[in-house]
């Protein structure tokens, strides 16, 4: 039995970019491009009409920009996953989009096969964001001195609701580990890892694993190789 294709919506104000994405992704048999939008407002309407699984979202657009649209889409019941399209790695707007619930980002000059892989990964519930890129983004936008201290204190206050096992899982998620590796590292089953991740998301009011990783980074839990650093 053939799996249901991933329903994908493309959002970019440049018609040439959209045409290029159609050419790059259209050949993938397991991905169905269900629509194209030129700004965030049009994207919201198309999401209502086409119910995509994944949205490839440009950030800088007229009218309703990609960041605003990401916030609105991720707040919807049955929200689609959002992958941000961007030109720069260390873009503060990318970090804001990730905090708003985007599952990752890809550069506009990313090779076609990697863009297709990113769509498949987020549709399967995996983030498209390496730990190294997460650290780069957090450092870029966290600020110094008092601003960084305030962010750390707020993150630790939010994370204080987790029990010890959930904290260990959150740290592993922040390090970019997949469920199978977390299970191996923490001596638990993959099913138990999934349960812990679901509970962490619910306790913290988060939408995906990327937001867990960002919060762990903000709290300073991942600053060295000691698993329990920053947990006290």
N, C-alpha and C. Protein backbone atom coordinates (compact mmCIF):
# COMPACT_ATOMS: atom_id res chain seq x y z
N UNK A 1 0.84 -1.21 0.00
CA UNK A 1 0.00 0.00 0.00
C UNK A 1 0.87 1.25 0.00
N UNK A 2 0.61 2.19 -0.93
CA UNK A 2 1.41 3.39 -1.06
C UNK A 2 1.08 4.38 0.05
N UNK A 3 2.13 4.96 0.65
CA UNK A 3 1.93 5.94 1.71
C UNK A 3 1.30 7.21 1.13
N UNK A 4 0.53 7.88 1.96
CA UNK A 4 -0.07 9.14 1.54
C UNK A 4 1.01 10.19 1.33
N UNK A 5 1.01 10.88 0.18
CA UNK A 5 2.05 11.90 -0.06
C UNK A 5 2.00 13.03 0.96
N UNK A 6 3.15 13.63 1.22
CA UNK A 6 3.25 14.79 2.10
C UNK A 6 2.67 15.99 1.36
N UNK A 7 1.75 16.67 1.99
CA UNK A 7 1.12 17.85 1.38
C UNK A 7 1.94 19.09 1.73
N UNK A 8 2.45 19.76 0.71
CA UNK A 8 3.39 20.86 0.90
C UNK A 8 2.85 22.16 0.31
N UNK A 9 2.94 23.24 1.09
CA UNK A 9 2.59 24.59 0.62
C UNK A 9 3.85 25.43 0.52
N UNK A 10 4.04 26.13 -0.59
CA UNK A 10 5.20 27.00 -0.81
C UNK A 10 4.79 28.45 -0.61
N UNK A 11 5.58 29.19 0.19
CA UNK A 11 5.25 30.59 0.47
C UNK A 11 6.49 31.45 0.25
N UNK A 12 6.46 32.30 -0.79
CA UNK A 12 7.56 33.21 -1.09
C UNK A 12 7.03 34.29 -2.00
N UNK A 13 7.43 35.54 -1.77
CA UNK A 13 6.91 36.63 -2.59
C UNK A 13 7.56 36.69 -3.97
N UNK A 14 8.65 35.95 -4.19
CA UNK A 14 9.35 35.96 -5.47
C UNK A 14 8.86 34.78 -6.32
N UNK A 15 8.17 35.05 -7.43
CA UNK A 15 7.64 33.96 -8.25
C UNK A 15 8.74 33.07 -8.83
N UNK A 16 9.94 33.63 -9.04
CA UNK A 16 11.05 32.82 -9.55
C UNK A 16 11.51 31.82 -8.51
N UNK A 17 11.53 32.23 -7.24
CA UNK A 17 11.89 31.31 -6.17
C UNK A 17 10.86 30.19 -6.08
N UNK A 18 9.59 30.56 -6.15
CA UNK A 18 8.55 29.52 -6.09
C UNK A 18 8.67 28.56 -7.26
N UNK A 19 8.93 29.09 -8.45
CA UNK A 19 9.08 28.23 -9.63
C UNK A 19 10.27 27.29 -9.47
N UNK A 20 11.35 27.81 -8.89
CA UNK A 20 12.52 26.97 -8.66
C UNK A 20 12.23 25.86 -7.67
N UNK A 21 11.47 26.19 -6.62
CA UNK A 21 11.11 25.18 -5.63
C UNK A 21 10.23 24.10 -6.24
N UNK A 22 9.30 24.52 -7.09
CA UNK A 22 8.44 23.54 -7.77
C UNK A 22 9.28 22.58 -8.60
N UNK A 23 10.27 23.12 -9.32
CA UNK A 23 11.14 22.28 -10.13
C UNK A 23 11.95 21.33 -9.26
N UNK A 24 12.46 21.84 -8.13
CA UNK A 24 13.31 21.04 -7.26
C UNK A 24 12.55 19.94 -6.54
N UNK A 25 11.33 20.27 -6.11
CA UNK A 25 10.59 19.36 -5.24
C UNK A 25 9.56 18.55 -6.00
N UNK A 26 9.11 19.08 -7.13
CA UNK A 26 8.00 18.46 -7.86
C UNK A 26 8.27 17.04 -8.31
N UNK A 27 9.53 16.67 -8.46
CA UNK A 27 9.85 15.32 -8.91
C UNK A 27 9.79 14.27 -7.83
N UNK A 28 9.65 14.68 -6.58
CA UNK A 28 9.59 13.72 -5.47
C UNK A 28 8.20 13.09 -5.43
N UNK A 29 8.13 11.78 -5.59
CA UNK A 29 6.83 11.10 -5.68
C UNK A 29 6.06 11.13 -4.37
N UNK A 30 6.77 11.31 -3.26
CA UNK A 30 6.09 11.27 -1.96
C UNK A 30 5.72 12.66 -1.45
N UNK A 31 5.87 13.70 -2.29
CA UNK A 31 5.52 15.07 -1.90
C UNK A 31 4.56 15.65 -2.93
N UNK A 32 3.46 16.19 -2.45
CA UNK A 32 2.44 16.79 -3.31
C UNK A 32 2.36 18.29 -3.00
N UNK A 33 2.76 19.14 -3.94
CA UNK A 33 2.69 20.59 -3.75
C UNK A 33 1.24 21.01 -3.94
N UNK A 34 0.60 21.42 -2.85
CA UNK A 34 -0.84 21.69 -2.89
C UNK A 34 -1.16 23.16 -3.13
N UNK A 35 -0.14 24.03 -3.15
CA UNK A 35 -0.42 25.44 -3.39
C UNK A 35 0.82 26.30 -3.27
N UNK A 36 0.69 27.55 -3.77
CA UNK A 36 1.75 28.55 -3.67
C UNK A 36 1.13 29.85 -3.19
N UNK A 37 1.84 30.54 -2.29
CA UNK A 37 1.37 31.82 -1.76
C UNK A 37 2.48 32.86 -1.87
N UNK A 38 2.07 34.13 -2.05
CA UNK A 38 3.03 35.21 -2.22
C UNK A 38 3.26 36.01 -0.95
N UNK A 39 2.44 35.79 0.08
CA UNK A 39 2.68 36.45 1.37
C UNK A 39 1.97 35.66 2.47
N UNK A 40 2.15 36.11 3.71
CA UNK A 40 1.62 35.38 4.84
C UNK A 40 0.10 35.33 4.87
N UNK A 41 -0.55 36.40 4.46
CA UNK A 41 -2.01 36.41 4.47
C UNK A 41 -2.56 35.37 3.50
N UNK A 42 -1.98 35.32 2.31
CA UNK A 42 -2.40 34.33 1.32
C UNK A 42 -2.10 32.92 1.82
N UNK A 43 -0.97 32.78 2.53
CA UNK A 43 -0.61 31.47 3.08
C UNK A 43 -1.65 30.98 4.07
N UNK A 44 -2.12 31.87 4.94
CA UNK A 44 -3.13 31.47 5.92
C UNK A 44 -4.40 30.99 5.25
N UNK A 45 -4.81 31.69 4.20
CA UNK A 45 -6.02 31.29 3.48
C UNK A 45 -5.82 29.94 2.80
N UNK A 46 -4.65 29.73 2.21
CA UNK A 46 -4.38 28.46 1.53
C UNK A 46 -4.27 27.31 2.51
N UNK A 47 -3.75 27.57 3.69
CA UNK A 47 -3.69 26.52 4.71
C UNK A 47 -5.10 26.07 5.07
N UNK A 48 -6.01 27.03 5.20
CA UNK A 48 -7.40 26.67 5.50
C UNK A 48 -8.01 25.82 4.39
N UNK A 49 -7.66 26.14 3.14
CA UNK A 49 -8.27 25.45 2.00
C UNK A 49 -7.60 24.13 1.65
N UNK A 50 -6.29 24.02 1.86
CA UNK A 50 -5.55 22.85 1.35
C UNK A 50 -5.03 21.93 2.44
N UNK A 51 -5.03 22.36 3.71
CA UNK A 51 -4.59 21.52 4.83
C UNK A 51 -3.24 20.86 4.57
N UNK A 52 -2.18 21.65 4.36
CA UNK A 52 -0.86 21.05 4.11
C UNK A 52 -0.28 20.43 5.39
N UNK A 53 0.61 19.48 5.18
CA UNK A 53 1.37 18.91 6.30
C UNK A 53 2.57 19.79 6.65
N UNK A 54 3.18 20.39 5.61
CA UNK A 54 4.39 21.19 5.77
C UNK A 54 4.25 22.47 4.96
N UNK A 55 4.74 23.58 5.51
CA UNK A 55 4.80 24.86 4.81
C UNK A 55 6.25 25.29 4.72
N UNK A 56 6.73 25.55 3.49
CA UNK A 56 8.04 26.18 3.30
C UNK A 56 7.80 27.67 3.26
N UNK A 57 8.33 28.41 4.25
CA UNK A 57 7.93 29.79 4.51
C UNK A 57 9.10 30.77 4.39
N UNK A 58 9.00 31.67 3.42
CA UNK A 58 9.95 32.78 3.37
C UNK A 58 9.65 33.73 4.52
N UNK A 59 10.66 34.41 5.04
CA UNK A 59 10.44 35.32 6.17
C UNK A 59 10.13 36.74 5.74
N UNK A 60 10.85 37.24 4.77
CA UNK A 60 10.72 38.64 4.39
C UNK A 60 9.79 38.78 3.19
N UNK A 61 8.53 39.16 3.50
CA UNK A 61 7.51 39.32 2.47
C UNK A 61 6.68 40.55 2.79
N UNK A 62 6.05 41.17 1.78
CA UNK A 62 5.19 42.33 2.04
C UNK A 62 3.90 41.90 2.73
N UNK A 63 3.15 42.86 3.16
CA UNK A 63 1.87 42.62 3.83
C UNK A 63 2.12 41.83 5.11
N UNK A 64 1.77 40.56 5.15
CA UNK A 64 2.01 39.73 6.33
C UNK A 64 3.30 38.94 6.12
N UNK A 65 4.32 39.20 6.96
CA UNK A 65 5.61 38.54 6.76
C UNK A 65 5.59 37.10 7.26
N UNK A 66 6.68 36.39 7.00
CA UNK A 66 6.74 34.98 7.34
C UNK A 66 6.74 34.70 8.83
N UNK A 67 7.34 35.59 9.61
CA UNK A 67 7.36 35.40 11.06
C UNK A 67 5.95 35.49 11.63
N UNK A 68 5.22 36.51 11.23
CA UNK A 68 3.83 36.66 11.69
C UNK A 68 2.98 35.47 11.25
N UNK A 69 3.15 35.07 10.00
CA UNK A 69 2.38 33.94 9.49
C UNK A 69 2.71 32.66 10.23
N UNK A 70 4.00 32.46 10.56
CA UNK A 70 4.40 31.26 11.30
C UNK A 70 3.72 31.22 12.66
N UNK A 71 3.73 32.36 13.37
CA UNK A 71 3.07 32.43 14.68
C UNK A 71 1.59 32.06 14.55
N UNK A 72 0.93 32.62 13.57
CA UNK A 72 -0.50 32.39 13.41
C UNK A 72 -0.80 30.94 13.02
N UNK A 73 0.00 30.41 12.09
CA UNK A 73 -0.24 29.03 11.65
C UNK A 73 0.02 28.04 12.77
N UNK A 74 1.08 28.24 13.53
CA UNK A 74 1.42 27.29 14.59
C UNK A 74 0.44 27.35 15.76
N UNK A 75 -0.34 28.43 15.83
CA UNK A 75 -1.35 28.54 16.89
C UNK A 75 -2.66 27.87 16.51
N UNK A 76 -2.78 27.42 15.27
CA UNK A 76 -4.02 26.81 14.80
C UNK A 76 -4.13 25.37 15.29
N UNK A 77 -5.33 24.87 15.52
CA UNK A 77 -5.50 23.44 15.78
C UNK A 77 -5.04 22.64 14.57
N UNK A 78 -4.34 21.54 14.80
CA UNK A 78 -3.83 20.74 13.69
C UNK A 78 -2.86 21.49 12.81
N UNK A 79 -2.02 22.32 13.45
CA UNK A 79 -1.11 23.20 12.71
C UNK A 79 -0.15 22.42 11.82
N UNK A 80 0.13 22.95 10.62
CA UNK A 80 1.15 22.32 9.78
C UNK A 80 2.54 22.61 10.35
N UNK A 81 3.49 21.75 10.01
CA UNK A 81 4.88 22.05 10.33
C UNK A 81 5.36 23.18 9.41
N UNK A 82 6.24 24.02 9.92
CA UNK A 82 6.77 25.14 9.14
C UNK A 82 8.28 25.02 9.05
N UNK A 83 8.80 25.10 7.84
CA UNK A 83 10.24 25.18 7.61
C UNK A 83 10.52 26.55 7.01
N UNK A 84 11.39 27.30 7.65
CA UNK A 84 11.70 28.66 7.22
C UNK A 84 12.71 28.65 6.08
N UNK A 85 12.44 29.47 5.07
CA UNK A 85 13.39 29.72 3.98
C UNK A 85 14.14 31.01 4.28
N UNK A 86 15.45 30.97 4.24
CA UNK A 86 16.21 32.17 4.58
C UNK A 86 17.48 32.26 3.75
N UNK A 87 18.11 33.42 3.78
CA UNK A 87 19.34 33.65 3.04
C UNK A 87 20.57 33.55 3.94
N UNK A 88 20.39 33.79 5.25
CA UNK A 88 21.52 33.84 6.17
C UNK A 88 21.36 32.85 7.31
N UNK A 89 22.47 32.22 7.71
CA UNK A 89 22.46 31.29 8.84
C UNK A 89 22.07 32.00 10.13
N UNK A 90 22.84 33.04 10.49
CA UNK A 90 22.66 33.70 11.80
C UNK A 90 21.72 34.88 11.66
N UNK A 91 20.48 34.59 11.38
CA UNK A 91 19.45 35.62 11.18
C UNK A 91 18.56 35.64 12.41
N UNK A 92 18.46 36.79 13.07
CA UNK A 92 17.65 36.87 14.28
C UNK A 92 16.19 36.54 14.00
N UNK A 93 15.71 36.86 12.80
CA UNK A 93 14.33 36.54 12.45
C UNK A 93 14.11 35.03 12.41
N UNK A 94 15.15 34.27 12.00
CA UNK A 94 15.05 32.82 12.01
C UNK A 94 14.85 32.32 13.43
N UNK A 95 15.63 32.87 14.37
CA UNK A 95 15.49 32.45 15.76
C UNK A 95 14.09 32.77 16.28
N UNK A 96 13.56 33.93 15.94
CA UNK A 96 12.21 34.28 16.37
C UNK A 96 11.19 33.28 15.78
N UNK A 97 11.39 32.89 14.52
CA UNK A 97 10.48 31.94 13.90
C UNK A 97 10.55 30.58 14.58
N UNK A 98 11.75 30.16 14.97
CA UNK A 98 11.91 28.89 15.68
C UNK A 98 11.21 28.95 17.03
N UNK A 99 11.36 30.07 17.72
CA UNK A 99 10.68 30.22 19.01
C UNK A 99 9.16 30.23 18.82
N UNK A 100 8.70 30.68 17.66
CA UNK A 100 7.27 30.72 17.37
C UNK A 100 6.73 29.36 16.94
N UNK A 101 7.62 28.37 16.75
CA UNK A 101 7.15 27.03 16.45
C UNK A 101 7.61 26.42 15.15
N UNK A 102 8.44 27.15 14.35
CA UNK A 102 8.98 26.54 13.14
C UNK A 102 9.85 25.34 13.51
N UNK A 103 9.82 24.32 12.67
CA UNK A 103 10.54 23.08 12.96
C UNK A 103 11.98 23.11 12.47
N UNK A 104 12.39 24.21 11.83
CA UNK A 104 13.76 24.32 11.34
C UNK A 104 13.83 25.31 10.20
N UNK A 105 15.00 25.36 9.58
CA UNK A 105 15.13 26.27 8.45
C UNK A 105 16.08 25.68 7.42
N UNK A 106 15.93 26.15 6.18
CA UNK A 106 16.87 25.81 5.11
C UNK A 106 17.25 27.09 4.38
N UNK A 107 18.49 27.15 3.94
CA UNK A 107 18.94 28.28 3.14
C UNK A 107 18.38 28.17 1.73
N UNK A 108 18.18 29.30 1.09
CA UNK A 108 17.59 29.28 -0.24
C UNK A 108 18.52 28.66 -1.28
N UNK A 109 19.84 28.62 -0.97
CA UNK A 109 20.77 27.99 -1.91
C UNK A 109 21.09 26.55 -1.52
N UNK A 110 20.26 25.97 -0.63
CA UNK A 110 20.44 24.57 -0.24
C UNK A 110 20.23 23.66 -1.46
N UNK A 111 21.05 22.62 -1.63
CA UNK A 111 20.85 21.69 -2.74
C UNK A 111 19.46 21.08 -2.71
N UNK A 112 18.87 20.84 -3.89
CA UNK A 112 17.50 20.33 -3.96
C UNK A 112 17.25 19.08 -3.12
N UNK A 113 18.17 18.13 -3.14
CA UNK A 113 17.97 16.89 -2.39
C UNK A 113 17.84 17.16 -0.90
N UNK A 114 18.57 18.17 -0.39
CA UNK A 114 18.50 18.48 1.04
C UNK A 114 17.19 19.17 1.40
N UNK A 115 16.66 19.98 0.48
CA UNK A 115 15.36 20.61 0.74
C UNK A 115 14.27 19.54 0.79
N UNK A 116 14.32 18.60 -0.15
CA UNK A 116 13.36 17.50 -0.15
C UNK A 116 13.48 16.70 1.15
N UNK A 117 14.72 16.43 1.57
CA UNK A 117 14.94 15.68 2.81
C UNK A 117 14.39 16.45 4.01
N UNK A 118 14.55 17.78 4.01
CA UNK A 118 14.04 18.60 5.11
C UNK A 118 12.52 18.49 5.21
N UNK A 119 11.85 18.53 4.07
CA UNK A 119 10.38 18.40 4.06
C UNK A 119 9.98 17.04 4.62
N UNK A 120 10.67 16.00 4.20
CA UNK A 120 10.34 14.65 4.69
C UNK A 120 10.58 14.54 6.18
N UNK A 121 11.66 15.12 6.66
CA UNK A 121 12.00 15.00 8.08
C UNK A 121 10.98 15.70 8.96
N UNK A 122 10.62 16.92 8.62
CA UNK A 122 9.66 17.61 9.49
C UNK A 122 8.28 16.97 9.42
N UNK A 123 7.94 16.41 8.26
CA UNK A 123 6.66 15.71 8.15
C UNK A 123 6.64 14.48 9.06
N UNK A 124 7.83 13.91 9.31
CA UNK A 124 7.94 12.76 10.20
C UNK A 124 8.13 13.15 11.66
N UNK A 125 8.17 14.46 11.93
CA UNK A 125 8.30 14.92 13.31
C UNK A 125 9.71 15.20 13.77
N UNK A 126 10.67 15.21 12.83
CA UNK A 126 12.07 15.47 13.20
C UNK A 126 12.43 16.92 12.87
N UNK A 127 13.19 17.59 13.74
CA UNK A 127 13.58 18.97 13.46
C UNK A 127 14.66 19.05 12.38
N UNK A 128 14.71 20.17 11.68
CA UNK A 128 15.75 20.41 10.69
C UNK A 128 16.66 21.49 11.24
N UNK A 129 17.48 21.10 12.21
CA UNK A 129 18.32 22.07 12.91
C UNK A 129 19.38 21.32 13.69
N UNK A 130 20.63 21.59 13.38
CA UNK A 130 21.71 20.90 14.10
C UNK A 130 21.99 21.63 15.41
N UNK A 131 22.54 20.92 16.40
CA UNK A 131 22.91 21.59 17.66
C UNK A 131 23.88 22.75 17.46
N UNK A 132 24.82 22.61 16.51
CA UNK A 132 25.80 23.68 16.27
C UNK A 132 25.11 24.94 15.76
N UNK A 133 24.14 24.77 14.86
CA UNK A 133 23.40 25.92 14.34
C UNK A 133 22.54 26.54 15.43
N UNK A 134 21.95 25.69 16.28
CA UNK A 134 21.15 26.20 17.40
C UNK A 134 22.00 27.10 18.28
N UNK A 135 23.19 26.63 18.64
CA UNK A 135 24.09 27.44 19.48
C UNK A 135 24.44 28.76 18.81
N UNK A 136 24.70 28.70 17.50
CA UNK A 136 25.04 29.91 16.76
C UNK A 136 23.89 30.92 16.79
N UNK A 137 22.69 30.44 16.57
CA UNK A 137 21.52 31.31 16.58
C UNK A 137 21.29 31.93 17.95
N UNK A 138 21.39 31.09 19.00
CA UNK A 138 21.15 31.59 20.35
C UNK A 138 22.20 32.64 20.73
N UNK A 139 23.46 32.38 20.41
CA UNK A 139 24.51 33.35 20.71
C UNK A 139 24.28 34.65 19.95
N UNK A 140 23.80 34.53 18.72
CA UNK A 140 23.61 35.71 17.88
C UNK A 140 22.57 36.66 18.46
N UNK A 141 21.52 36.09 19.05
CA UNK A 141 20.39 36.91 19.48
C UNK A 141 20.26 37.07 20.99
N UNK A 142 21.05 36.34 21.76
CA UNK A 142 20.85 36.35 23.21
C UNK A 142 21.30 37.65 23.86
N UNK A 143 22.26 38.34 23.22
CA UNK A 143 22.77 39.55 23.84
C UNK A 143 23.80 39.23 24.90
N UNK A 144 24.26 40.24 25.58
CA UNK A 144 25.29 40.06 26.59
C UNK A 144 24.83 40.63 27.92
N UNK A 145 25.57 40.28 28.96
CA UNK A 145 25.32 40.87 30.27
C UNK A 145 23.93 40.60 30.78
N UNK A 146 23.25 41.68 31.17
CA UNK A 146 21.95 41.55 31.82
C UNK A 146 20.92 40.86 30.97
N UNK A 147 20.89 41.13 29.65
CA UNK A 147 19.88 40.50 28.77
C UNK A 147 20.05 38.99 28.76
N UNK A 148 21.29 38.52 28.65
CA UNK A 148 21.54 37.08 28.65
C UNK A 148 21.18 36.47 29.99
N UNK A 149 21.49 37.18 31.07
CA UNK A 149 21.17 36.67 32.40
C UNK A 149 19.67 36.54 32.61
N UNK A 150 18.91 37.52 32.12
CA UNK A 150 17.45 37.48 32.25
C UNK A 150 16.89 36.31 31.46
N UNK A 151 17.39 36.12 30.23
CA UNK A 151 16.92 35.01 29.40
C UNK A 151 17.20 33.68 30.09
N UNK A 152 18.40 33.55 30.67
CA UNK A 152 18.75 32.29 31.33
C UNK A 152 17.85 32.04 32.55
N UNK A 153 17.64 33.09 33.33
CA UNK A 153 16.80 32.94 34.53
C UNK A 153 15.38 32.54 34.15
N UNK A 154 14.83 33.17 33.12
CA UNK A 154 13.47 32.85 32.69
C UNK A 154 13.38 31.42 32.17
N UNK A 155 14.40 30.99 31.40
CA UNK A 155 14.38 29.63 30.87
C UNK A 155 14.45 28.61 32.00
N UNK A 156 15.31 28.85 32.99
CA UNK A 156 15.44 27.91 34.11
C UNK A 156 14.16 27.87 34.94
N UNK A 157 13.50 29.01 35.05
CA UNK A 157 12.24 29.03 35.79
C UNK A 157 11.19 28.17 35.09
N UNK A 158 11.12 28.26 33.77
CA UNK A 158 10.16 27.45 33.03
C UNK A 158 10.50 25.96 33.13
N UNK A 159 11.79 25.65 33.03
CA UNK A 159 12.22 24.26 33.02
C UNK A 159 12.15 23.60 34.40
N UNK A 160 11.98 24.41 35.44
CA UNK A 160 11.93 23.87 36.80
C UNK A 160 10.76 22.93 37.02
N UNK A 161 9.76 22.95 36.15
CA UNK A 161 8.59 22.07 36.32
C UNK A 161 8.91 20.63 35.93
N UNK A 162 10.04 20.40 35.25
CA UNK A 162 10.40 19.06 34.80
C UNK A 162 11.01 18.25 35.93
N UNK A 163 10.74 16.95 35.92
CA UNK A 163 11.42 16.09 36.88
C UNK A 163 12.80 15.72 36.34
N UNK A 164 13.58 14.98 37.13
CA UNK A 164 14.97 14.70 36.75
C UNK A 164 15.07 13.95 35.42
N UNK A 165 14.22 12.97 35.21
CA UNK A 165 14.28 12.18 33.97
C UNK A 165 13.91 13.03 32.77
N UNK A 166 12.91 13.87 32.94
CA UNK A 166 12.51 14.76 31.86
C UNK A 166 13.61 15.76 31.54
N UNK A 167 14.32 16.20 32.56
CA UNK A 167 15.44 17.12 32.32
C UNK A 167 16.54 16.44 31.51
N UNK A 168 16.82 15.18 31.82
CA UNK A 168 17.83 14.45 31.06
C UNK A 168 17.41 14.32 29.60
N UNK A 169 16.15 14.04 29.37
CA UNK A 169 15.64 13.92 28.00
C UNK A 169 15.72 15.28 27.30
N UNK A 170 15.36 16.35 28.00
CA UNK A 170 15.41 17.69 27.41
C UNK A 170 16.83 18.06 26.99
N UNK A 171 17.80 17.72 27.82
CA UNK A 171 19.21 17.98 27.47
C UNK A 171 19.59 17.20 26.22
N UNK A 172 19.18 15.93 26.15
CA UNK A 172 19.50 15.11 24.98
C UNK A 172 18.85 15.66 23.72
N UNK A 173 17.61 16.11 23.85
CA UNK A 173 16.93 16.74 22.70
C UNK A 173 17.70 17.99 22.28
N UNK A 174 18.15 18.78 23.26
CA UNK A 174 18.92 19.97 22.96
C UNK A 174 20.22 19.68 22.25
N UNK A 175 20.77 18.52 22.48
CA UNK A 175 22.00 18.12 21.80
C UNK A 175 21.76 17.54 20.43
N UNK A 176 20.50 17.50 20.03
CA UNK A 176 20.16 17.04 18.69
C UNK A 176 20.05 15.55 18.55
N UNK A 177 19.96 14.82 19.67
CA UNK A 177 19.88 13.36 19.60
C UNK A 177 18.50 12.93 19.11
N UNK A 178 18.47 11.92 18.24
CA UNK A 178 17.22 11.30 17.84
C UNK A 178 16.73 10.40 18.97
N UNK A 179 15.48 9.98 18.89
CA UNK A 179 14.90 9.17 19.96
C UNK A 179 15.69 7.89 20.23
N UNK A 180 16.17 7.25 19.16
CA UNK A 180 16.90 6.00 19.34
C UNK A 180 18.19 6.23 20.13
N UNK A 181 18.89 7.32 19.86
CA UNK A 181 20.13 7.58 20.60
C UNK A 181 19.82 7.98 22.04
N UNK A 182 18.76 8.76 22.24
CA UNK A 182 18.38 9.12 23.61
C UNK A 182 18.07 7.85 24.41
N UNK A 183 17.37 6.93 23.77
CA UNK A 183 17.04 5.67 24.45
C UNK A 183 18.31 4.93 24.86
N UNK A 184 19.30 4.90 23.97
CA UNK A 184 20.56 4.22 24.28
C UNK A 184 21.32 4.93 25.39
N UNK A 185 21.41 6.26 25.27
CA UNK A 185 22.18 7.04 26.24
C UNK A 185 21.57 6.97 27.64
N UNK A 186 20.24 6.95 27.72
CA UNK A 186 19.56 7.03 29.01
C UNK A 186 18.96 5.69 29.46
N UNK A 187 19.26 4.62 28.71
CA UNK A 187 18.85 3.28 29.11
C UNK A 187 17.33 3.17 29.29
N UNK A 188 16.62 3.54 28.23
CA UNK A 188 15.17 3.41 28.23
C UNK A 188 14.72 3.01 26.83
N UNK A 189 13.49 2.63 26.69
CA UNK A 189 12.97 2.26 25.38
C UNK A 189 12.65 3.51 24.56
N UNK A 190 12.60 3.33 23.24
CA UNK A 190 12.23 4.45 22.36
C UNK A 190 10.82 4.92 22.69
N UNK A 191 9.92 3.99 22.99
CA UNK A 191 8.55 4.37 23.35
C UNK A 191 8.53 5.25 24.60
N UNK A 192 9.39 4.94 25.57
CA UNK A 192 9.46 5.74 26.78
C UNK A 192 10.02 7.13 26.48
N UNK A 193 11.02 7.19 25.60
CA UNK A 193 11.55 8.50 25.19
C UNK A 193 10.45 9.35 24.58
N UNK A 194 9.68 8.75 23.68
CA UNK A 194 8.59 9.50 23.03
C UNK A 194 7.59 10.01 24.06
N UNK A 195 7.30 9.18 25.06
CA UNK A 195 6.38 9.60 26.12
C UNK A 195 6.94 10.78 26.89
N UNK A 196 8.24 10.72 27.22
CA UNK A 196 8.86 11.83 27.95
C UNK A 196 8.83 13.11 27.12
N UNK A 197 9.16 12.99 25.82
CA UNK A 197 9.16 14.18 24.96
C UNK A 197 7.76 14.79 24.90
N UNK A 198 6.75 13.95 24.77
CA UNK A 198 5.36 14.45 24.73
C UNK A 198 5.01 15.16 26.04
N UNK A 199 5.44 14.59 27.17
CA UNK A 199 5.15 15.21 28.46
C UNK A 199 5.89 16.54 28.61
N UNK A 200 7.13 16.59 28.14
CA UNK A 200 7.90 17.84 28.21
C UNK A 200 7.20 18.93 27.40
N UNK A 201 6.78 18.60 26.19
CA UNK A 201 6.07 19.57 25.36
C UNK A 201 4.82 20.07 26.05
N UNK A 202 4.06 19.15 26.65
CA UNK A 202 2.82 19.53 27.33
C UNK A 202 3.09 20.38 28.56
N UNK A 203 4.06 19.98 29.38
CA UNK A 203 4.37 20.72 30.61
C UNK A 203 4.84 22.14 30.32
N UNK A 204 5.61 22.29 29.24
CA UNK A 204 6.20 23.59 28.93
C UNK A 204 5.35 24.40 27.94
N UNK A 205 4.28 23.81 27.43
CA UNK A 205 3.45 24.51 26.48
C UNK A 205 4.17 24.80 25.17
N UNK A 206 4.99 23.84 24.72
CA UNK A 206 5.77 24.01 23.49
C UNK A 206 5.16 23.18 22.36
N UNK A 207 5.55 23.52 21.13
CA UNK A 207 4.96 22.86 19.99
C UNK A 207 5.82 21.81 19.33
N UNK A 208 7.14 21.83 19.55
CA UNK A 208 8.00 20.85 18.90
C UNK A 208 9.35 20.75 19.60
N UNK A 209 10.19 19.83 19.13
CA UNK A 209 11.48 19.55 19.75
C UNK A 209 12.46 20.72 19.63
N UNK A 210 12.34 21.49 18.54
CA UNK A 210 13.24 22.64 18.38
C UNK A 210 13.06 23.61 19.55
N UNK A 211 11.83 23.82 19.97
CA UNK A 211 11.58 24.74 21.08
C UNK A 211 12.15 24.19 22.39
N UNK A 212 12.12 22.88 22.58
CA UNK A 212 12.78 22.29 23.74
C UNK A 212 14.28 22.59 23.69
N UNK A 213 14.88 22.39 22.53
CA UNK A 213 16.32 22.62 22.37
C UNK A 213 16.69 24.07 22.64
N UNK A 214 15.88 25.00 22.13
CA UNK A 214 16.16 26.42 22.34
C UNK A 214 16.08 26.78 23.82
N UNK A 215 15.09 26.24 24.51
CA UNK A 215 14.93 26.54 25.93
C UNK A 215 16.10 25.96 26.73
N UNK A 216 16.53 24.76 26.37
CA UNK A 216 17.69 24.17 27.05
C UNK A 216 18.95 24.99 26.81
N UNK A 217 19.12 25.50 25.59
CA UNK A 217 20.25 26.37 25.29
C UNK A 217 20.15 27.66 26.10
N UNK A 218 18.96 28.27 26.13
CA UNK A 218 18.77 29.51 26.89
C UNK A 218 19.14 29.33 28.35
N UNK A 219 18.80 28.16 28.90
CA UNK A 219 19.04 27.90 30.32
C UNK A 219 20.50 27.62 30.64
N UNK A 220 21.32 27.43 29.60
CA UNK A 220 22.73 27.14 29.82
C UNK A 220 23.00 25.69 30.13
N UNK A 221 22.05 24.81 29.82
CA UNK A 221 22.21 23.40 30.13
C UNK A 221 23.21 22.70 29.22
N UNK A 222 23.55 23.32 28.08
CA UNK A 222 24.36 22.64 27.08
C UNK A 222 25.72 23.30 26.88
N UNK A 223 26.20 23.99 27.87
CA UNK A 223 27.42 24.76 27.70
C UNK A 223 28.69 23.92 27.79
N UNK A 224 28.60 22.73 28.34
CA UNK A 224 29.75 21.83 28.32
C UNK A 224 29.27 20.40 28.18
N UNK A 225 30.13 19.46 28.32
CA UNK A 225 29.80 18.05 28.06
C UNK A 225 29.25 17.31 29.25
N UNK A 226 29.12 17.99 30.38
CA UNK A 226 28.59 17.30 31.55
C UNK A 226 27.07 17.33 31.49
N UNK A 227 26.49 16.17 31.46
CA UNK A 227 25.05 16.05 31.21
C UNK A 227 24.22 16.84 32.20
N UNK A 228 24.66 16.98 33.42
CA UNK A 228 23.84 17.64 34.41
C UNK A 228 24.24 19.09 34.64
N UNK A 229 25.13 19.63 33.81
CA UNK A 229 25.53 21.02 33.99
C UNK A 229 24.31 21.93 33.89
N UNK A 230 24.15 22.81 34.87
CA UNK A 230 23.07 23.79 34.82
C UNK A 230 21.74 23.27 35.30
N UNK A 231 21.67 22.02 35.75
CA UNK A 231 20.38 21.50 36.17
C UNK A 231 20.03 21.87 37.60
N UNK A 232 21.00 22.29 38.37
CA UNK A 232 20.72 22.62 39.77
C UNK A 232 20.20 24.03 39.90
